[in-house]
Amino acid sequence: MTYDRLVCANCAAPVSEGRCPVCRANRERLQQEGPFGGLSPVALLTLLVILVAAVALLAHQTA
């Protein structure tokens, strides 16, 4: 999830605006996530299944 859609429970403003210390801290945390930080768990699971299937296919072809 991207922080531009989040609303701060502390100040009730969008987190992307960074109005309070809580907003600013969460905005920094979300910006520092890795390249897969914005992906949903379903998307990560799908990528994992595709990777396992590709490895299995390559192993079957070389055997």
C-alpha atoms as a PDB file:
ATOM      1  CA  MET A   1       0.000   0.000   0.000  1.00  0.00           C
ATOM      2  CA  THR A   2       1.216   3.446  -0.778  1.00  0.00           C
ATOM      3  CA  TYR A   3       1.215   6.120   1.865  1.00  0.00           C
ATOM      4  CA  ASP A   4      -0.708   8.604  -0.296  1.00  0.00           C
ATOM      5  CA  ARG A   5      -3.901   6.647   0.487  1.00  0.00           C
ATOM      6  CA  LEU A   6      -3.360   6.406   4.229  1.00  0.00           C
ATOM      7  CA  VAL A   7      -5.016   8.668   6.784  1.00  0.00           C
ATOM      8  CA  CYS A   8      -3.184   9.311  10.045  1.00  0.00           C
ATOM      9  CA  ALA A   9      -5.010   8.194  13.201  1.00  0.00           C
ATOM     10  CA  ASN A  10      -3.181  10.888  15.150  1.00  0.00           C
ATOM     11  CA  CYS A  11      -4.161  14.012  13.178  1.00  0.00           C
ATOM     12  CA  ALA A  12      -6.737  12.657  10.647  1.00  0.00           C
ATOM     13  CA  ALA A  13      -4.771  14.117   7.730  1.00  0.00           C
ATOM     14  CA  PRO A  14      -3.280  12.239   4.779  1.00  0.00           C
ATOM     15  CA  VAL A  15       0.042  10.659   5.756  1.00  0.00           C
ATOM     16  CA  SER A  16       1.586  11.988   2.545  1.00  0.00           C
ATOM     17  CA  GLU A  17       1.218  15.552   3.850  1.00  0.00           C
ATOM     18  CA  GLY A  18       3.268  14.799   6.986  1.00  0.00           C
ATOM     19  CA  ARG A  19       1.453  17.219   9.281  1.00  0.00           C
ATOM     20  CA  CYS A  20       2.414  15.578  12.579  1.00  0.00           C
ATOM     21  CA  PRO A  21       5.432  13.572  13.840  1.00  0.00           C
ATOM     22  CA  VAL A  22       3.490  10.308  13.469  1.00  0.00           C
ATOM     23  CA  CYS A  23       2.721  11.083   9.813  1.00  0.00           C
ATOM     24  CA  ARG A  24       6.317  12.010   9.086  1.00  0.00           C
ATOM     25  CA  ALA A  25       7.664   8.866  10.764  1.00  0.00           C
ATOM     26  CA  ASN A  26       5.287   6.584   8.867  1.00  0.00           C
ATOM     27  CA  ARG A  27       5.970   8.388   5.593  1.00  0.00           C
ATOM     28  CA  GLU A  28       9.718   7.836   6.080  1.00  0.00           C
ATOM     29  CA  ARG A  29       9.180   4.184   6.986  1.00  0.00           C
ATOM     30  CA  LEU A  30       7.044   3.562   3.908  1.00  0.00           C
ATOM     31  CA  GLN A  31       9.506   5.335   1.617  1.00  0.00           C
ATOM     32  CA  GLN A  32      12.401   3.219   2.907  1.00  0.00           C
ATOM     33  CA  GLU A  33      10.734  -0.103   2.137  1.00  0.00           C
ATOM     34  CA  GLY A  34      12.444  -2.193  -0.481  1.00  0.00           C
ATOM     35  CA  PRO A  35      11.285  -2.706  -4.042  1.00  0.00           C
ATOM     36  CA  PHE A  36       8.712  -5.279  -2.917  1.00  0.00           C
ATOM     37  CA  GLY A  37       7.343  -3.167  -0.064  1.00  0.00           C
ATOM     38  CA  GLY A  38       4.414  -1.892  -2.072  1.00  0.00           C
ATOM     39  CA  LEU A  39       3.274  -5.273  -3.299  1.00  0.00           C
ATOM     40  CA  SER A  40       0.362  -7.043  -1.696  1.00  0.00           C
ATOM     41  CA  PRO A  41       0.878 -10.480  -0.127  1.00  0.00           C
ATOM     42  CA  VAL A  42      -1.123 -12.029  -2.982  1.00  0.00           C
ATOM     43  CA  ALA A  43       1.200 -10.475  -5.554  1.00  0.00           C
ATOM     44  CA  LEU A  44       4.264 -11.704  -3.659  1.00  0.00           C
ATOM     45  CA  LEU A  45       2.788 -15.209  -3.444  1.00  0.00           C
ATOM     46  CA  THR A  46       2.046 -15.154  -7.169  1.00  0.00           C
ATOM     47  CA  LEU A  47       5.632 -14.164  -7.934  1.00  0.00           C
ATOM     48  CA  LEU A  48       6.889 -16.966  -5.700  1.00  0.00           C
ATOM     49  CA  VAL A  49       4.695 -19.549  -7.437  1.00  0.00           C
ATOM     50  CA  ILE A  50       5.889 -18.371 -10.855  1.00  0.00           C
ATOM     51  CA  LEU A  51       9.514 -18.562  -9.715  1.00  0.00           C
ATOM     52  CA  VAL A  52       9.092 -22.095  -8.345  1.00  0.00           C
ATOM     53  CA  ALA A  53       7.323 -23.198 -11.537  1.00  0.00           C
ATOM     54  CA  ALA A  54      10.122 -21.747 -13.683  1.00  0.00           C
ATOM     55  CA  VAL A  55      12.806 -23.493 -11.620  1.00  0.00           C
ATOM     56  CA  ALA A  56      10.899 -26.781 -11.786  1.00  0.00           C
ATOM     57  CA  LEU A  57      10.500 -26.446 -15.552  1.00  0.00           C
ATOM     58  CA  LEU A  58      14.208 -25.749 -16.036  1.00  0.00           C
ATOM     59  CA  ALA A  59      15.153 -28.670 -13.811  1.00  0.00           C
ATOM     60  CA  HIS A  60      12.817 -30.983 -15.750  1.00  0.00           C
ATOM     61  CA  GLN A  61      14.245 -29.868 -19.116  1.00  0.00           C
ATOM     62  CA  THR A  62      17.858 -30.474 -18.083  1.00  0.00           C
ATOM     63  CA  ALA A  63      17.151 -33.911 -16.618  1.00  0.00           C
END
